């Protein structure tokens, strides 16, 4: 079945990485030689299987939009590691993915910069120190004002939104996390508040960005950043 995404849509696919042996073997066959080589470098089998599943599912999802075989899809990487399609042609499909433990999310958008981040929420023993050194002064101050029982949720709100934004820009961690502000309070709308530096391709203007936030599972949090003021977000379960 072929998939289509309208210009005002972003499709978010969610899947489990714990796949049966026959599915792992199928996904492995679809990988490029460099992906197979990377899979073979993992020390633990669980990490190898998750990598194969994550890349195999990605190829299968993209193949439905491009109407081609998963093995024929050619992926390349920007200087900071963001993957992109070499053969998307005029459709200019943008995509991003994130996984945490056994869960993975894929964002697909036509002609629009997009980034996604997923985190399983766990206690962070050095949360205050991480926030002080990684968040902007405004974000750190906002976190300090939060009640203790809301700080963990606020911390992960902030972290996932910042990760989604820099992934959408394609900067990776070369862009300082304290160079922009995002909202983080659980009762506040998720958004990019301010960027203190001009980014590549002049995409950093906060008014042109949308940040979406949701909980894929009771114990995880996700954020999606889009370089456009508004989109229809379609959440879908991947079934191969």
C-alpha atoms as a PDB file:
ATOM      1  CA  UNK A   1       0.000   0.000   0.000  1.00  0.00           C
ATOM      2  CA  UNK A   2       1.344   3.405  -1.006  1.00  0.00           C
ATOM      3  CA  UNK A   3       1.372   6.279   1.498  1.00  0.00           C
ATOM      4  CA  UNK A   4       0.910   9.974   0.725  1.00  0.00           C
ATOM      5  CA  UNK A   5       1.434  13.036   2.918  1.00  0.00           C
ATOM      6  CA  UNK A   6      -0.138  16.362   2.018  1.00  0.00           C
ATOM      7  CA  UNK A   7       1.926  19.550   2.260  1.00  0.00           C
ATOM      8  CA  UNK A   8       0.226  20.504   5.538  1.00  0.00           C
ATOM      9  CA  UNK A   9       0.678  17.071   7.139  1.00  0.00           C
ATOM     10  CA  UNK A  10       3.360  15.402   9.209  1.00  0.00           C
ATOM     11  CA  UNK A  11       3.021  11.662   9.692  1.00  0.00           C
ATOM     12  CA  UNK A  12       4.429  10.160  12.873  1.00  0.00           C
ATOM     13  CA  UNK A  13       4.818   6.390  12.891  1.00  0.00           C
ATOM     14  CA  UNK A  14       5.428   4.452  16.091  1.00  0.00           C
ATOM     15  CA  UNK A  15       6.774   0.917  16.306  1.00  0.00           C
ATOM     16  CA  UNK A  16       8.389  -1.616  18.603  1.00  0.00           C
ATOM     17  CA  UNK A  17      11.993  -2.647  17.969  1.00  0.00           C
ATOM     18  CA  UNK A  18      11.613  -6.052  19.593  1.00  0.00           C
ATOM     19  CA  UNK A  19      10.811  -7.993  16.424  1.00  0.00           C
ATOM     20  CA  UNK A  20      10.777 -11.766  15.776  1.00  0.00           C
ATOM     21  CA  UNK A  21      13.761 -13.462  14.157  1.00  0.00           C
ATOM     22  CA  UNK A  22      12.171 -13.766  10.717  1.00  0.00           C
ATOM     23  CA  UNK A  23      11.368 -10.042  10.658  1.00  0.00           C
ATOM     24  CA  UNK A  24      14.903  -9.167  11.772  1.00  0.00           C
ATOM     25  CA  UNK A  25      16.279 -11.289   8.930  1.00  0.00           C
ATOM     26  CA  UNK A  26      13.975  -9.532   6.452  1.00  0.00           C
ATOM     27  CA  UNK A  27      15.035  -6.102   7.656  1.00  0.00           C
ATOM     28  CA  UNK A  28      18.715  -7.051   7.539  1.00  0.00           C
ATOM     29  CA  UNK A  29      18.388  -7.988   3.874  1.00  0.00           C
ATOM     30  CA  UNK A  30      17.058  -4.511   3.068  1.00  0.00           C
ATOM     31  CA  UNK A  31      19.975  -2.656   4.675  1.00  0.00           C
ATOM     32  CA  UNK A  32      22.810  -1.062   2.740  1.00  0.00           C
ATOM     33  CA  UNK A  33      26.305  -2.595   3.145  1.00  0.00           C
ATOM     34  CA  UNK A  34      27.442   0.196   5.465  1.00  0.00           C
ATOM     35  CA  UNK A  35      24.371  -0.324   7.663  1.00  0.00           C
ATOM     36  CA  UNK A  36      25.058  -4.049   7.885  1.00  0.00           C
ATOM     37  CA  UNK A  37      28.651  -3.290   8.809  1.00  0.00           C
ATOM     38  CA  UNK A  38      27.503  -0.938  11.540  1.00  0.00           C
ATOM     39  CA  UNK A  39      25.037  -3.540  12.834  1.00  0.00           C
ATOM     40  CA  UNK A  40      27.897  -6.006  13.149  1.00  0.00           C
ATOM     41  CA  UNK A  41      29.851  -3.635  15.397  1.00  0.00           C
ATOM     42  CA  UNK A  42      27.413  -3.793  18.309  1.00  0.00           C
ATOM     43  CA  UNK A  43      28.724  -5.811  21.256  1.00  0.00           C
ATOM     44  CA  UNK A  44      25.327  -6.866  22.573  1.00  0.00           C
ATOM     45  CA  UNK A  45      22.740  -8.695  20.514  1.00  0.00           C
ATOM     46  CA  UNK A  46      19.832  -6.618  21.826  1.00  0.00           C
ATOM     47  CA  UNK A  47      21.445  -3.413  20.524  1.00  0.00           C
ATOM     48  CA  UNK A  48      22.238  -5.049  17.171  1.00  0.00           C
ATOM     49  CA  UNK A  49      18.637  -6.232  16.770  1.00  0.00           C
ATOM     50  CA  UNK A  50      17.242  -2.823  17.699  1.00  0.00           C
ATOM     51  CA  UNK A  51      19.488  -1.111  15.159  1.00  0.00           C
ATOM     52  CA  UNK A  52      18.468  -3.522  12.400  1.00  0.00           C
ATOM     53  CA  UNK A  53      14.796  -3.075  13.270  1.00  0.00           C
ATOM     54  CA  UNK A  54      15.042   0.717  13.426  1.00  0.00           C
ATOM     55  CA  UNK A  55      16.719   0.974  10.009  1.00  0.00           C
ATOM     56  CA  UNK A  56      14.643  -1.773   8.453  1.00  0.00           C
ATOM     57  CA  UNK A  57      11.350  -0.240   9.541  1.00  0.00           C
ATOM     58  CA  UNK A  58      12.544   3.180   8.354  1.00  0.00           C
ATOM     59  CA  UNK A  59      13.299   1.780   4.912  1.00  0.00           C
ATOM     60  CA  UNK A  60       9.930   0.038   4.764  1.00  0.00           C
ATOM     61  CA  UNK A  61       8.058   3.204   5.750  1.00  0.00           C
ATOM     62  CA  UNK A  62       9.947   5.373   3.264  1.00  0.00           C
ATOM     63  CA  UNK A  63       9.430   2.793   0.526  1.00  0.00           C
ATOM     64  CA  UNK A  64       5.658   3.241   0.847  1.00  0.00           C
ATOM     65  CA  UNK A  65       5.945   6.984   0.213  1.00  0.00           C
ATOM     66  CA  UNK A  66       8.441   6.599  -2.625  1.00  0.00           C
ATOM     67  CA  UNK A  67       6.763   3.544  -4.153  1.00  0.00           C
ATOM     68  CA  UNK A  68       9.991   1.577  -4.374  1.00  0.00           C
ATOM     69  CA  UNK A  69      11.701  -1.420  -2.821  1.00  0.00           C
ATOM     70  CA  UNK A  70      13.160  -0.792   0.695  1.00  0.00           C
ATOM     71  CA  UNK A  71      16.570  -2.074  -0.387  1.00  0.00           C
ATOM     72  CA  UNK A  72      16.738   0.455  -3.234  1.00  0.00           C
ATOM     73  CA  UNK A  73      16.441   3.475  -0.957  1.00  0.00           C
ATOM     74  CA  UNK A  74      19.689   5.410  -0.715  1.00  0.00           C
ATOM     75  CA  UNK A  75      20.351   7.301   2.487  1.00  0.00           C
ATOM     76  CA  UNK A  76      23.050   9.893   3.089  1.00  0.00           C
ATOM     77  CA  UNK A  77      24.043  12.007   6.068  1.00  0.00           C
ATOM     78  CA  UNK A  78      24.590  15.697   6.563  1.00  0.00           C
ATOM     79  CA  UNK A  79      27.802  16.949   8.170  1.00  0.00           C
ATOM     80  CA  UNK A  80      26.291  16.720  11.661  1.00  0.00           C
ATOM     81  CA  UNK A  81      24.778  13.287  11.105  1.00  0.00           C
ATOM     82  CA  UNK A  82      21.177  13.999  10.085  1.00  0.00           C
ATOM     83  CA  UNK A  83      19.999  11.381   7.541  1.00  0.00           C
ATOM     84  CA  UNK A  84      18.305  12.325   4.291  1.00  0.00           C
ATOM     85  CA  UNK A  85      17.153  10.715   1.060  1.00  0.00           C
ATOM     86  CA  UNK A  86      19.354  10.867  -2.003  1.00  0.00           C
ATOM     87  CA  UNK A  87      16.541   9.925  -4.385  1.00  0.00           C
ATOM     88  CA  UNK A  88      13.517  11.797  -3.057  1.00  0.00           C
ATOM     89  CA  UNK A  89      13.414  13.928  -6.219  1.00  0.00           C
ATOM     90  CA  UNK A  90      10.828  16.648  -6.493  1.00  0.00           C
ATOM     91  CA  UNK A  91       8.829  15.296  -3.582  1.00  0.00           C
ATOM     92  CA  UNK A  92      11.626  16.326  -1.202  1.00  0.00           C
ATOM     93  CA  UNK A  93      10.497  14.072   1.633  1.00  0.00           C
ATOM     94  CA  UNK A  94      12.052  15.049   4.955  1.00  0.00           C
ATOM     95  CA  UNK A  95      12.204  12.573   7.821  1.00  0.00           C
ATOM     96  CA  UNK A  96      13.664  12.013  11.248  1.00  0.00           C
ATOM     97  CA  UNK A  97      13.618   9.248  13.832  1.00  0.00           C
ATOM     98  CA  UNK A  98      14.243   8.667  17.505  1.00  0.00           C
ATOM     99  CA  UNK A  99      14.189   5.589  19.691  1.00  0.00           C
ATOM    100  CA  UNK A 100      14.424   4.879  23.385  1.00  0.00           C
ATOM    101  CA  UNK A 101      14.631   1.340  24.731  1.00  0.00           C
ATOM    102  CA  UNK A 102      12.249  -0.774  22.619  1.00  0.00           C
ATOM    103  CA  UNK A 103      10.153   2.059  21.190  1.00  0.00           C
ATOM    104  CA  UNK A 104      10.828   4.083  18.019  1.00  0.00           C
ATOM    105  CA  UNK A 105       9.186   7.073  16.351  1.00  0.00           C
ATOM    106  CA  UNK A 106       9.507   8.237  12.736  1.00  0.00           C
ATOM    107  CA  UNK A 107       8.433  11.653  11.459  1.00  0.00           C
ATOM    108  CA  UNK A 108       7.724  12.032   7.734  1.00  0.00           C
ATOM    109  CA  UNK A 109       7.099  15.470   6.204  1.00  0.00           C
ATOM    110  CA  UNK A 110       7.039  16.621   2.558  1.00  0.00           C
ATOM    111  CA  UNK A 111       9.394  19.538   1.949  1.00  0.00           C
ATOM    112  CA  UNK A 112       9.625  20.643   5.560  1.00  0.00           C
ATOM    113  CA  UNK A 113      12.446  20.497   8.097  1.00  0.00           C
ATOM    114  CA  UNK A 114      11.380  18.193  10.910  1.00  0.00           C
ATOM    115  CA  UNK A 115      12.986  16.703  14.016  1.00  0.00           C
ATOM    116  CA  UNK A 116      11.692  14.247  16.587  1.00  0.00           C
ATOM    117  CA  UNK A 117      12.906  13.068  19.979  1.00  0.00           C
ATOM    118  CA  UNK A 118      11.685  10.323  22.293  1.00  0.00           C
ATOM    119  CA  UNK A 119      12.783   9.647  25.843  1.00  0.00           C
ATOM    120  CA  UNK A 120      11.718   7.069  28.411  1.00  0.00           C
ATOM    121  CA  UNK A 121      11.255   8.982  31.654  1.00  0.00           C
ATOM    122  CA  UNK A 122      13.536   7.734  34.395  1.00  0.00           C
ATOM    123  CA  UNK A 123      14.848   9.368  37.575  1.00  0.00           C
ATOM    124  CA  UNK A 124      17.861  11.563  36.759  1.00  0.00           C
ATOM    125  CA  UNK A 125      20.121  11.658  39.787  1.00  0.00           C
ATOM    126  CA  UNK A 126      22.107  14.666  38.517  1.00  0.00           C
ATOM    127  CA  UNK A 127      19.113  16.470  37.017  1.00  0.00           C
ATOM    128  CA  UNK A 128      19.954  19.837  38.584  1.00  0.00           C
ATOM    129  CA  UNK A 129      23.528  19.724  37.320  1.00  0.00           C
ATOM    130  CA  UNK A 130      22.511  18.642  33.805  1.00  0.00           C
ATOM    131  CA  UNK A 131      19.910  21.409  33.618  1.00  0.00           C
ATOM    132  CA  UNK A 132      22.325  24.024  34.915  1.00  0.00           C
ATOM    133  CA  UNK A 133      24.935  23.209  32.275  1.00  0.00           C
ATOM    134  CA  UNK A 134      22.681  22.303  29.333  1.00  0.00           C
ATOM    135  CA  UNK A 135      19.565  24.435  29.618  1.00  0.00           C
ATOM    136  CA  UNK A 136      19.401  28.162  28.991  1.00  0.00           C
ATOM    137  CA  UNK A 137      19.347  30.463  32.049  1.00  0.00           C
ATOM    138  CA  UNK A 138      15.627  31.085  31.507  1.00  0.00           C
ATOM    139  CA  UNK A 139      14.849  27.371  31.295  1.00  0.00           C
ATOM    140  CA  UNK A 140      16.935  26.580  34.367  1.00  0.00           C
ATOM    141  CA  UNK A 141      15.174  29.306  36.333  1.00  0.00           C
ATOM    142  CA  UNK A 142      11.788  27.966  35.206  1.00  0.00           C
ATOM    143  CA  UNK A 143      12.769  24.463  36.313  1.00  0.00           C
ATOM    144  CA  UNK A 144      13.864  25.779  39.712  1.00  0.00           C
ATOM    145  CA  UNK A 145      10.424  27.336  40.204  1.00  0.00           C
ATOM    146  CA  UNK A 146       8.626  24.055  39.594  1.00  0.00           C
ATOM    147  CA  UNK A 147       7.258  21.986  42.501  1.00  0.00           C
ATOM    148  CA  UNK A 148       9.465  19.003  43.248  1.00  0.00           C
ATOM    149  CA  UNK A 149       6.856  16.524  42.044  1.00  0.00           C
ATOM    150  CA  UNK A 150       6.704  18.234  38.625  1.00  0.00           C
ATOM    151  CA  UNK A 151      10.410  18.779  38.031  1.00  0.00           C
ATOM    152  CA  UNK A 152      11.103  15.445  36.338  1.00  0.00           C
ATOM    153  CA  UNK A 153       8.303  15.951  33.797  1.00  0.00           C
ATOM    154  CA  UNK A 154       9.455  19.527  33.170  1.00  0.00           C
ATOM    155  CA  UNK A 155      13.048  18.355  32.704  1.00  0.00           C
ATOM    156  CA  UNK A 156      12.070  15.803  30.048  1.00  0.00           C
ATOM    157  CA  UNK A 157       9.704  18.283  28.392  1.00  0.00           C
ATOM    158  CA  UNK A 158      12.605  20.663  27.995  1.00  0.00           C
ATOM    159  CA  UNK A 159      15.099  18.026  26.902  1.00  0.00           C
ATOM    160  CA  UNK A 160      12.952  16.422  24.209  1.00  0.00           C
ATOM    161  CA  UNK A 161      11.836  19.773  22.767  1.00  0.00           C
ATOM    162  CA  UNK A 162      15.407  21.021  22.549  1.00  0.00           C
ATOM    163  CA  UNK A 163      16.601  17.781  20.957  1.00  0.00           C
ATOM    164  CA  UNK A 164      13.765  17.829  18.417  1.00  0.00           C
ATOM    165  CA  UNK A 165      14.611  21.419  17.449  1.00  0.00           C
ATOM    166  CA  UNK A 166      18.331  20.901  16.892  1.00  0.00           C
ATOM    167  CA  UNK A 167      17.644  17.646  15.030  1.00  0.00           C
ATOM    168  CA  UNK A 168      15.274  19.488  12.708  1.00  0.00           C
ATOM    169  CA  UNK A 169      17.968  22.080  12.040  1.00  0.00           C
ATOM    170  CA  UNK A 170      20.488  19.317  11.373  1.00  0.00           C
ATOM    171  CA  UNK A 171      23.006  20.751  13.812  1.00  0.00           C
ATOM    172  CA  UNK A 172      23.235  17.922  16.315  1.00  0.00           C
ATOM    173  CA  UNK A 173      24.953  18.843  19.558  1.00  0.00           C
ATOM    174  CA  UNK A 174      27.227  21.295  17.718  1.00  0.00           C
ATOM    175  CA  UNK A 175      24.491  23.843  18.465  1.00  0.00           C
ATOM    176  CA  UNK A 176      24.707  24.812  22.153  1.00  0.00           C
ATOM    177  CA  UNK A 177      21.600  23.713  24.037  1.00  0.00           C
ATOM    178  CA  UNK A 178      21.625  26.959  26.001  1.00  0.00           C
ATOM    179  CA  UNK A 179      21.408  29.095  22.836  1.00  0.00           C
ATOM    180  CA  UNK A 180      17.604  28.956  22.687  1.00  0.00           C
ATOM    181  CA  UNK A 181      14.596  28.742  24.989  1.00  0.00           C
ATOM    182  CA  UNK A 182      11.691  26.297  24.912  1.00  0.00           C
ATOM    183  CA  UNK A 183       8.679  26.068  27.185  1.00  0.00           C
ATOM    184  CA  UNK A 184       8.833  23.295  29.766  1.00  0.00           C
ATOM    185  CA  UNK A 185       6.084  23.671  32.369  1.00  0.00           C
ATOM    186  CA  UNK A 186       3.537  20.815  32.126  1.00  0.00           C
ATOM    187  CA  UNK A 187       0.639  23.303  32.049  1.00  0.00           C
ATOM    188  CA  UNK A 188       2.249  25.452  29.325  1.00  0.00           C
ATOM    189  CA  UNK A 189       1.891  25.007  25.573  1.00  0.00           C
ATOM    190  CA  UNK A 190       4.959  23.453  23.960  1.00  0.00           C
ATOM    191  CA  UNK A 191       6.794  26.026  21.859  1.00  0.00           C
ATOM    192  CA  UNK A 192      10.097  27.574  20.895  1.00  0.00           C
ATOM    193  CA  UNK A 193      10.267  30.801  22.877  1.00  0.00           C
ATOM    194  CA  UNK A 194      13.442  32.440  21.601  1.00  0.00           C
ATOM    195  CA  UNK A 195      16.635  31.639  19.721  1.00  0.00           C
ATOM    196  CA  UNK A 196      19.713  33.676  20.559  1.00  0.00           C
ATOM    197  CA  UNK A 197      21.750  32.721  17.504  1.00  0.00           C
ATOM    198  CA  UNK A 198      21.012  32.695  13.795  1.00  0.00           C
ATOM    199  CA  UNK A 199      21.015  29.167  12.483  1.00  0.00           C
ATOM    200  CA  UNK A 200      21.988  27.655   9.160  1.00  0.00           C
ATOM    201  CA  UNK A 201      19.593  28.640   6.332  1.00  0.00           C
ATOM    202  CA  UNK A 202      18.108  31.322   8.620  1.00  0.00           C
ATOM    203  CA  UNK A 203      15.664  28.811  10.126  1.00  0.00           C
ATOM    204  CA  UNK A 204      15.994  29.883  13.745  1.00  0.00           C
ATOM    205  CA  UNK A 205      13.189  32.470  13.867  1.00  0.00           C
ATOM    206  CA  UNK A 206      10.973  31.267  16.705  1.00  0.00           C
ATOM    207  CA  UNK A 207       7.756  32.481  15.065  1.00  0.00           C
ATOM    208  CA  UNK A 208       8.213  30.094  12.136  1.00  0.00           C
ATOM    209  CA  UNK A 209       8.483  26.959  14.280  1.00  0.00           C
ATOM    210  CA  UNK A 210       5.926  24.612  15.762  1.00  0.00           C
ATOM    211  CA  UNK A 211       6.744  22.211  18.580  1.00  0.00           C
ATOM    212  CA  UNK A 212       4.364  19.384  19.420  1.00  0.00           C
ATOM    213  CA  UNK A 213       4.444  17.317  22.581  1.00  0.00           C
ATOM    214  CA  UNK A 214       2.778  14.071  23.626  1.00  0.00           C
ATOM    215  CA  UNK A 215       3.248  10.893  25.660  1.00  0.00           C
ATOM    216  CA  UNK A 216       3.492   7.830  23.382  1.00  0.00           C
ATOM    217  CA  UNK A 217       3.366   5.595  26.461  1.00  0.00           C
ATOM    218  CA  UNK A 218       2.628   6.296  30.140  1.00  0.00           C
ATOM    219  CA  UNK A 219       6.359   6.350  30.889  1.00  0.00           C
ATOM    220  CA  UNK A 220       7.761   8.187  27.870  1.00  0.00           C
ATOM    221  CA  UNK A 221       7.608  11.652  26.358  1.00  0.00           C
ATOM    222  CA  UNK A 222       8.077  12.800  22.767  1.00  0.00           C
ATOM    223  CA  UNK A 223       8.514  16.112  20.982  1.00  0.00           C
ATOM    224  CA  UNK A 224       8.276  17.036  17.321  1.00  0.00           C
ATOM    225  CA  UNK A 225       9.748  20.238  15.881  1.00  0.00           C
ATOM    226  CA  UNK A 226       8.599  21.553  12.513  1.00  0.00           C
ATOM    227  CA  UNK A 227       9.929  24.561  10.577  1.00  0.00           C
ATOM    228  CA  UNK A 228       6.422  25.809   9.869  1.00  0.00           C
ATOM    229  CA  UNK A 229       3.818  27.573  12.027  1.00  0.00           C
ATOM    230  CA  UNK A 230       1.131  24.856  11.902  1.00  0.00           C
ATOM    231  CA  UNK A 231       0.604  21.306  10.676  1.00  0.00           C
ATOM    232  CA  UNK A 232      -1.819  18.428  10.921  1.00  0.00           C
ATOM    233  CA  UNK A 233      -0.066  15.677  12.873  1.00  0.00           C
ATOM    234  CA  UNK A 234      -1.170  12.119  12.102  1.00  0.00           C
ATOM    235  CA  UNK A 235      -0.053   9.482  14.608  1.00  0.00           C
ATOM    236  CA  UNK A 236       0.029   5.962  13.226  1.00  0.00           C
ATOM    237  CA  UNK A 237       1.103   2.498  14.390  1.00  0.00           C
ATOM    238  CA  UNK A 238       3.454   0.702  12.017  1.00  0.00           C
ATOM    239  CA  UNK A 239       2.289  -2.760  11.005  1.00  0.00           C
ATOM    240  CA  UNK A 240       4.500  -4.513   8.477  1.00  0.00           C
END
